[in-house]
N, C-alpha and C. Protein backbone atom coordinates (compact mmCIF):
# COMPACT_ATOMS: atom_id res chain seq x y z
N UNK A 1 -32.78 -2.07 1.60
CA UNK A 1 -30.92 -1.98 1.43
C UNK A 1 -31.34 -0.66 1.89
N UNK A 2 -30.09 -0.24 2.53
CA UNK A 2 -29.76 0.96 2.62
C UNK A 2 -29.00 2.20 1.72
N UNK A 3 -28.53 2.94 2.07
CA UNK A 3 -27.88 3.66 0.87
C UNK A 3 -26.49 4.25 0.93
N UNK A 4 -26.66 3.07 1.53
CA UNK A 4 -24.80 3.24 2.01
C UNK A 4 -24.51 2.20 1.91
N UNK A 5 -24.96 0.69 1.98
CA UNK A 5 -25.11 -0.07 1.80
C UNK A 5 -24.77 0.03 0.42
N UNK A 6 -25.76 0.46 -0.16
CA UNK A 6 -25.99 -0.11 -1.67
C UNK A 6 -24.32 1.20 -2.06
N UNK A 7 -24.17 2.12 -1.53
CA UNK A 7 -22.70 2.86 -1.69
C UNK A 7 -21.54 1.67 -1.73
N UNK A 8 -21.22 0.60 -1.26
CA UNK A 8 -20.64 -0.46 -0.48
C UNK A 8 -20.28 -0.82 -1.05
N UNK A 9 -21.52 -1.90 -2.26
CA UNK A 9 -21.15 -2.81 -2.46
C UNK A 9 -21.72 -2.37 -4.13
N UNK A 10 -21.26 -1.00 -4.99
CA UNK A 10 -21.33 -0.22 -5.71
C UNK A 10 -19.36 0.15 -5.43
N UNK A 11 -19.60 -0.35 -4.62
CA UNK A 11 -17.63 0.13 -4.01
C UNK A 11 -16.76 -1.03 -4.49
N UNK A 12 -17.52 -2.03 -4.36
CA UNK A 12 -16.83 -3.87 -4.05
C UNK A 12 -16.87 -3.85 -5.71
N UNK A 13 -17.85 -3.54 -5.81
CA UNK A 13 -17.83 -3.60 -7.23
C UNK A 13 -16.85 -3.55 -8.01
N UNK A 14 -16.60 -2.00 -8.08
CA UNK A 14 -15.79 -0.91 -8.91
C UNK A 14 -14.71 -1.68 -9.22
N UNK A 15 -14.34 -2.03 -7.34
CA UNK A 15 -12.76 -2.72 -7.65
C UNK A 15 -12.91 -3.70 -7.92
N UNK A 16 -13.78 -5.02 -7.89
CA UNK A 16 -13.79 -6.10 -8.07
C UNK A 16 -13.72 -6.19 -10.22
N UNK A 17 -14.51 -4.67 -10.44
CA UNK A 17 -14.02 -4.95 -12.30
C UNK A 17 -12.61 -3.90 -12.28
N UNK A 18 -11.93 -3.56 -12.36
CA UNK A 18 -10.52 -3.59 -11.21
C UNK A 18 -9.88 -4.38 -11.53
N UNK A 19 -9.98 -5.57 -9.75
CA UNK A 19 -8.97 -6.61 -10.83
C UNK A 19 -9.50 -7.22 -11.46
N UNK A 20 -10.84 -7.06 -12.19
CA UNK A 20 -11.19 -8.12 -13.59
C UNK A 20 -10.03 -7.98 -14.24
N UNK A 21 -9.32 -6.21 -14.32
CA UNK A 21 -8.86 -5.80 -15.70
C UNK A 21 -7.27 -6.25 -15.77
N UNK A 22 -7.22 -5.60 -14.48
CA UNK A 22 -5.91 -6.41 -13.94
C UNK A 22 -4.90 -7.83 -14.01
N UNK A 23 -5.90 -8.54 -13.90
CA UNK A 23 -5.43 -10.21 -13.61
C UNK A 23 -4.69 -11.38 -14.98
N UNK A 24 -4.02 -11.49 -15.14
CA UNK A 24 -4.18 -12.08 -16.41
C UNK A 24 -3.96 -13.14 -16.66
N UNK A 25 -4.78 -14.05 -15.56
CA UNK A 25 -4.93 -15.53 -15.16
C UNK A 25 -6.00 -16.23 -16.02
N UNK A 26 -6.81 -16.30 -17.21
CA UNK A 26 -7.87 -17.19 -17.33
C UNK A 26 -9.00 -17.24 -15.96
N UNK A 27 -8.53 -18.06 -15.41
CA UNK A 27 -9.82 -18.59 -14.45
C UNK A 27 -10.03 -17.87 -14.09
N UNK A 28 -8.89 -16.63 -12.93
CA UNK A 28 -9.00 -15.62 -13.06
C UNK A 28 -9.83 -14.73 -13.26
N UNK A 29 -10.34 -14.17 -13.82
CA UNK A 29 -10.37 -13.37 -14.99
C UNK A 29 -12.38 -13.88 -14.71
N UNK A 30 -12.61 -15.58 -15.76
CA UNK A 30 -13.76 -15.88 -15.44
C UNK A 30 -14.32 -15.85 -13.74
N UNK A 31 -13.71 -16.09 -12.41
CA UNK A 31 -13.90 -16.25 -11.22
C UNK A 31 -14.84 -14.21 -11.33
N UNK A 32 -13.91 -13.56 -11.17
CA UNK A 32 -14.26 -11.88 -10.91
C UNK A 32 -15.73 -11.75 -11.79
N UNK A 33 -15.71 -12.55 -12.85
CA UNK A 33 -16.93 -11.66 -13.93
C UNK A 33 -18.32 -12.22 -13.21
N UNK A 34 -18.04 -13.88 -12.88
CA UNK A 34 -18.81 -14.40 -12.19
C UNK A 34 -19.05 -13.53 -10.73
N UNK A 35 -18.24 -13.00 -10.00
CA UNK A 35 -18.78 -12.43 -8.65
C UNK A 35 -18.98 -11.14 -8.64
N UNK A 36 -18.96 -10.19 -9.40
CA UNK A 36 -19.17 -9.38 -9.75
C UNK A 36 -20.43 -9.16 -10.75
N UNK A 37 -20.81 -10.00 -11.66
CA UNK A 37 -22.49 -10.14 -11.83
C UNK A 37 -23.47 -10.97 -11.11
N UNK A 38 -23.32 -11.40 -10.22
CA UNK A 38 -24.25 -11.96 -8.84
C UNK A 38 -23.88 -10.66 -7.99
N UNK A 39 -22.97 -9.81 -7.90
CA UNK A 39 -23.76 -8.46 -7.48
C UNK A 39 -24.20 -7.59 -7.89
N UNK A 40 -23.79 -7.90 -9.27
CA UNK A 40 -25.35 -6.54 -9.76
C UNK A 40 -26.01 -7.71 -10.12
N UNK A 41 -26.96 -7.88 -9.75
CA UNK A 41 -27.87 -9.41 -9.47
C UNK A 41 -28.60 -9.02 -7.94
N UNK A 42 -27.52 -9.01 -7.30
CA UNK A 42 -28.03 -8.27 -6.44
C UNK A 42 -28.52 -6.75 -5.62
N UNK A 43 -28.27 -6.21 -6.52
CA UNK A 43 -28.22 -5.16 -6.68
C UNK A 43 -29.53 -4.03 -7.45
N UNK A 44 -29.04 -4.83 -8.59
CA UNK A 44 -31.27 -5.13 -9.12
C UNK A 44 -32.16 -5.65 -8.14
N UNK A 45 -32.13 -7.09 -8.09
CA UNK A 45 -32.99 -7.42 -7.16
C UNK A 45 -33.55 -6.64 -5.82
N UNK A 46 -32.60 -5.92 -5.57
CA UNK A 46 -33.08 -5.55 -3.36
C UNK A 46 -33.59 -3.85 -3.73
N UNK A 47 -32.29 -3.33 -4.88
CA UNK A 47 -32.77 -2.00 -5.56
C UNK A 47 -33.45 -2.38 -6.93
N UNK A 48 -34.61 -1.90 -7.41
CA UNK A 48 -35.31 -2.84 -8.56
C UNK A 48 -34.70 -0.93 -9.85
N UNK A 49 -34.72 -0.14 -9.69
CA UNK A 49 -34.35 1.08 -10.09
C UNK A 49 -32.52 1.08 -9.80
N UNK A 50 -31.28 0.52 -9.78
CA UNK A 50 -30.44 0.59 -10.09
C UNK A 50 -30.01 -0.11 -10.79
N UNK A 51 -28.86 1.11 -11.90
CA UNK A 51 -28.42 0.89 -13.22
C UNK A 51 -26.75 -0.05 -13.22
N UNK A 52 -25.97 0.70 -12.31
CA UNK A 52 -25.16 0.54 -12.47
C UNK A 52 -23.53 1.58 -12.20
N UNK A 53 -22.57 2.14 -12.34
CA UNK A 53 -22.12 2.80 -12.11
C UNK A 53 -21.59 3.21 -13.71
N UNK A 54 -20.68 3.52 -13.89
CA UNK A 54 -20.41 4.30 -15.21
C UNK A 54 -19.30 3.66 -15.57
N UNK A 55 -18.22 2.52 -16.63
CA UNK A 55 -16.74 2.41 -16.05
C UNK A 55 -15.63 2.62 -16.67
């Protein structure tokens, strides 16, 4: 994964985190949380030294 792809993935994770905080539907929150976990797992798999962004 290139540095540009890593930054794009981190940006996407940040967008989903923001949405997760803003939505009020419990199902939507749960689905967004699953998406975030999946994206983060992909980054950890492809970039073993990746530790995530600060919230």
